[in-house]
Amino acid sequence: MAHETRKKNLLKKHGLSGVNKPKRTPKHATKSHVVLAQEGHQLKLIRFGQQGVSGAGKNPKSAKEKARKKSFKARHAKNIKKGKMSAAYWADKAKW
């Protein structure tokens, strides 16, 4: 019961539409997105992404963007593999 109450309060406080659904935070000083990650009964509020920096997107057009995407994935591969409870996973999913 306490778990559901905490989840409901966090969703409302941060204006999120649901768990595991990232939201942009343009007014946050340093982080560009926030997500309430859930695996089983474990909840974690994760802020991720550098404010003002855009990822290369799903289909990078230029060689420079392709290189940026490849470098990000190589640099953070170990943390991305940790799953939904890591900021790198969400940055990879939402920005790259």
C-alpha atoms as a PDB file:
ATOM      1  CA  MET A   1       0.000   0.000   0.000  1.00  0.00           C
ATOM      2  CA  ALA A   2       2.779   2.444   0.897  1.00  0.00           C
ATOM      3  CA  HIS A   3       4.479   1.605  -2.405  1.00  0.00           C
ATOM      4  CA  GLU A   4       1.442   2.689  -4.436  1.00  0.00           C
ATOM      5  CA  THR A   5       1.069   5.902  -2.411  1.00  0.00           C
ATOM      6  CA  ARG A   6       4.731   6.801  -2.925  1.00  0.00           C
ATOM      7  CA  LYS A   7       4.469   6.096  -6.662  1.00  0.00           C
ATOM      8  CA  LYS A   8       1.325   8.214  -6.978  1.00  0.00           C
ATOM      9  CA  ASN A   9       2.917  11.115  -5.057  1.00  0.00           C
ATOM     10  CA  LEU A  10       6.103  11.063  -7.160  1.00  0.00           C
ATOM     11  CA  LEU A  11       4.152  10.945 -10.432  1.00  0.00           C
ATOM     12  CA  LYS A  12       2.044  13.921  -9.376  1.00  0.00           C
ATOM     13  CA  LYS A  13       4.954  15.940  -7.961  1.00  0.00           C
ATOM     14  CA  HIS A  14       7.032  15.660 -11.142  1.00  0.00           C
ATOM     15  CA  GLY A  15       4.123  15.795 -13.609  1.00  0.00           C
ATOM     16  CA  LEU A  16       4.818  12.371 -15.082  1.00  0.00           C
ATOM     17  CA  SER A  17       2.181  10.430 -17.006  1.00  0.00           C
ATOM     18  CA  GLY A  18       3.294   7.030 -15.713  1.00  0.00           C
ATOM     19  CA  VAL A  19       6.222   4.882 -14.663  1.00  0.00           C
ATOM     20  CA  ASN A  20       8.991   4.222 -17.205  1.00  0.00           C
ATOM     21  CA  LYS A  21       7.835   7.191 -19.314  1.00  0.00           C
ATOM     22  CA  PRO A  22      10.514   9.899 -19.646  1.00  0.00           C
ATOM     23  CA  LYS A  23       9.556  13.577 -19.646  1.00  0.00           C
ATOM     24  CA  ARG A  24      11.561  16.617 -20.757  1.00  0.00           C
ATOM     25  CA  THR A  25      12.471  19.095 -18.016  1.00  0.00           C
ATOM     26  CA  PRO A  26      13.385  22.338 -19.827  1.00  0.00           C
ATOM     27  CA  LYS A  27      13.471  24.407 -16.632  1.00  0.00           C
ATOM     28  CA  HIS A  28      15.825  22.109 -14.707  1.00  0.00           C
ATOM     29  CA  ALA A  29      19.276  23.660 -14.323  1.00  0.00           C
ATOM     30  CA  THR A  30      21.397  20.687 -15.392  1.00  0.00           C
ATOM     31  CA  LYS A  31      19.329  17.679 -16.528  1.00  0.00           C
ATOM     32  CA  SER A  32      17.125  17.540 -19.618  1.00  0.00           C
ATOM     33  CA  HIS A  33      14.803  14.640 -18.697  1.00  0.00           C
ATOM     34  CA  VAL A  34      13.260  12.860 -15.718  1.00  0.00           C
ATOM     35  CA  VAL A  35      11.694   9.411 -15.392  1.00  0.00           C
ATOM     36  CA  LEU A  36      10.230   7.373 -12.554  1.00  0.00           C
ATOM     37  CA  ALA A  37      11.798   3.974 -13.224  1.00  0.00           C
ATOM     38  CA  GLN A  38      10.203   0.824 -11.845  1.00  0.00           C
ATOM     39  CA  GLU A  39      11.453  -2.763 -11.808  1.00  0.00           C
ATOM     40  CA  GLY A  40       9.285  -5.047  -9.734  1.00  0.00           C
ATOM     41  CA  HIS A  41       8.423  -3.115  -6.563  1.00  0.00           C
ATOM     42  CA  GLN A  42      11.549  -0.952  -6.714  1.00  0.00           C
ATOM     43  CA  LEU A  43      11.014   2.715  -7.656  1.00  0.00           C
ATOM     44  CA  LYS A  44      13.721   5.229  -8.524  1.00  0.00           C
ATOM     45  CA  LEU A  45      13.468   8.819  -9.733  1.00  0.00           C
ATOM     46  CA  ILE A  46      16.166   9.320 -12.364  1.00  0.00           C
ATOM     47  CA  ARG A  47      17.229  12.618 -13.898  1.00  0.00           C
ATOM     48  CA  PHE A  48      19.333  12.192 -17.015  1.00  0.00           C
ATOM     49  CA  GLY A  49      20.730  13.958 -20.069  1.00  0.00           C
ATOM     50  CA  GLN A  50      22.763  17.129 -20.277  1.00  0.00           C
ATOM     51  CA  GLN A  51      20.586  20.227 -20.589  1.00  0.00           C
ATOM     52  CA  GLY A  52      20.940  21.935 -23.972  1.00  0.00           C
ATOM     53  CA  VAL A  53      22.622  19.003 -25.723  1.00  0.00           C
ATOM     54  CA  SER A  54      20.681  16.975 -28.253  1.00  0.00           C
ATOM     55  CA  GLY A  55      21.448  13.393 -29.142  1.00  0.00           C
ATOM     56  CA  ALA A  56      21.971  12.270 -32.717  1.00  0.00           C
ATOM     57  CA  GLY A  57      18.471  10.774 -32.836  1.00  0.00           C
ATOM     58  CA  LYS A  58      17.293   7.451 -34.196  1.00  0.00           C
ATOM     59  CA  ASN A  59      18.429   8.099 -37.786  1.00  0.00           C
ATOM     60  CA  PRO A  60      21.543  10.302 -37.821  1.00  0.00           C
ATOM     61  CA  LYS A  61      22.112  11.825 -41.244  1.00  0.00           C
ATOM     62  CA  SER A  62      25.673  13.149 -41.246  1.00  0.00           C
ATOM     63  CA  ALA A  63      28.838  11.172 -40.617  1.00  0.00           C
ATOM     64  CA  LYS A  64      29.562  13.395 -37.614  1.00  0.00           C
ATOM     65  CA  GLU A  65      26.202  12.541 -35.996  1.00  0.00           C
ATOM     66  CA  LYS A  66      26.739   8.834 -36.688  1.00  0.00           C
ATOM     67  CA  ALA A  67      30.152   9.042 -35.018  1.00  0.00           C
ATOM     68  CA  ARG A  68      28.661  10.852 -31.978  1.00  0.00           C
ATOM     69  CA  LYS A  69      26.004   8.165 -31.593  1.00  0.00           C
ATOM     70  CA  LYS A  70      28.526   5.342 -31.929  1.00  0.00           C
ATOM     71  CA  SER A  71      30.867   6.987 -29.394  1.00  0.00           C
ATOM     72  CA  PHE A  72      28.058   7.499 -26.862  1.00  0.00           C
ATOM     73  CA  LYS A  73      26.922   3.891 -27.109  1.00  0.00           C
ATOM     74  CA  ALA A  74      30.504   2.581 -26.797  1.00  0.00           C
ATOM     75  CA  ARG A  75      31.335   4.870 -23.868  1.00  0.00           C
ATOM     76  CA  HIS A  76      28.188   4.001 -21.907  1.00  0.00           C
ATOM     77  CA  ALA A  77      27.579   0.385 -23.012  1.00  0.00           C
ATOM     78  CA  LYS A  78      28.375  -1.052 -19.583  1.00  0.00           C
ATOM     79  CA  ASN A  79      25.922   1.286 -17.829  1.00  0.00           C
ATOM     80  CA  ILE A  80      23.211   0.886 -20.495  1.00  0.00           C
ATOM     81  CA  LYS A  81      23.266  -2.879 -19.847  1.00  0.00           C
ATOM     82  CA  LYS A  82      22.349  -2.257 -16.192  1.00  0.00           C
ATOM     83  CA  GLY A  83      18.764  -1.748 -17.337  1.00  0.00           C
ATOM     84  CA  LYS A  84      15.910   0.563 -16.409  1.00  0.00           C
ATOM     85  CA  MET A  85      17.406   1.636 -13.084  1.00  0.00           C
ATOM     86  CA  SER A  86      20.351   3.483 -14.704  1.00  0.00           C
ATOM     87  CA  ALA A  87      20.444   6.973 -16.189  1.00  0.00           C
ATOM     88  CA  ALA A  88      22.513   5.741 -19.152  1.00  0.00           C
ATOM     89  CA  TYR A  89      19.715   3.348 -20.176  1.00  0.00           C
ATOM     90  CA  TRP A  90      17.189   6.191 -20.285  1.00  0.00           C
ATOM     91  CA  ALA A  91      19.567   8.605 -22.033  1.00  0.00           C
ATOM     92  CA  ASP A  92      20.156   5.944 -24.687  1.00  0.00           C
ATOM     93  CA  LYS A  93      16.440   5.319 -25.086  1.00  0.00           C
ATOM     94  CA  ALA A  94      15.207   8.940 -25.057  1.00  0.00           C
ATOM     95  CA  LYS A  95      18.042  10.953 -26.594  1.00  0.00           C
ATOM     96  CA  TRP A  96      20.027   8.581 -28.785  1.00  0.00           C
END
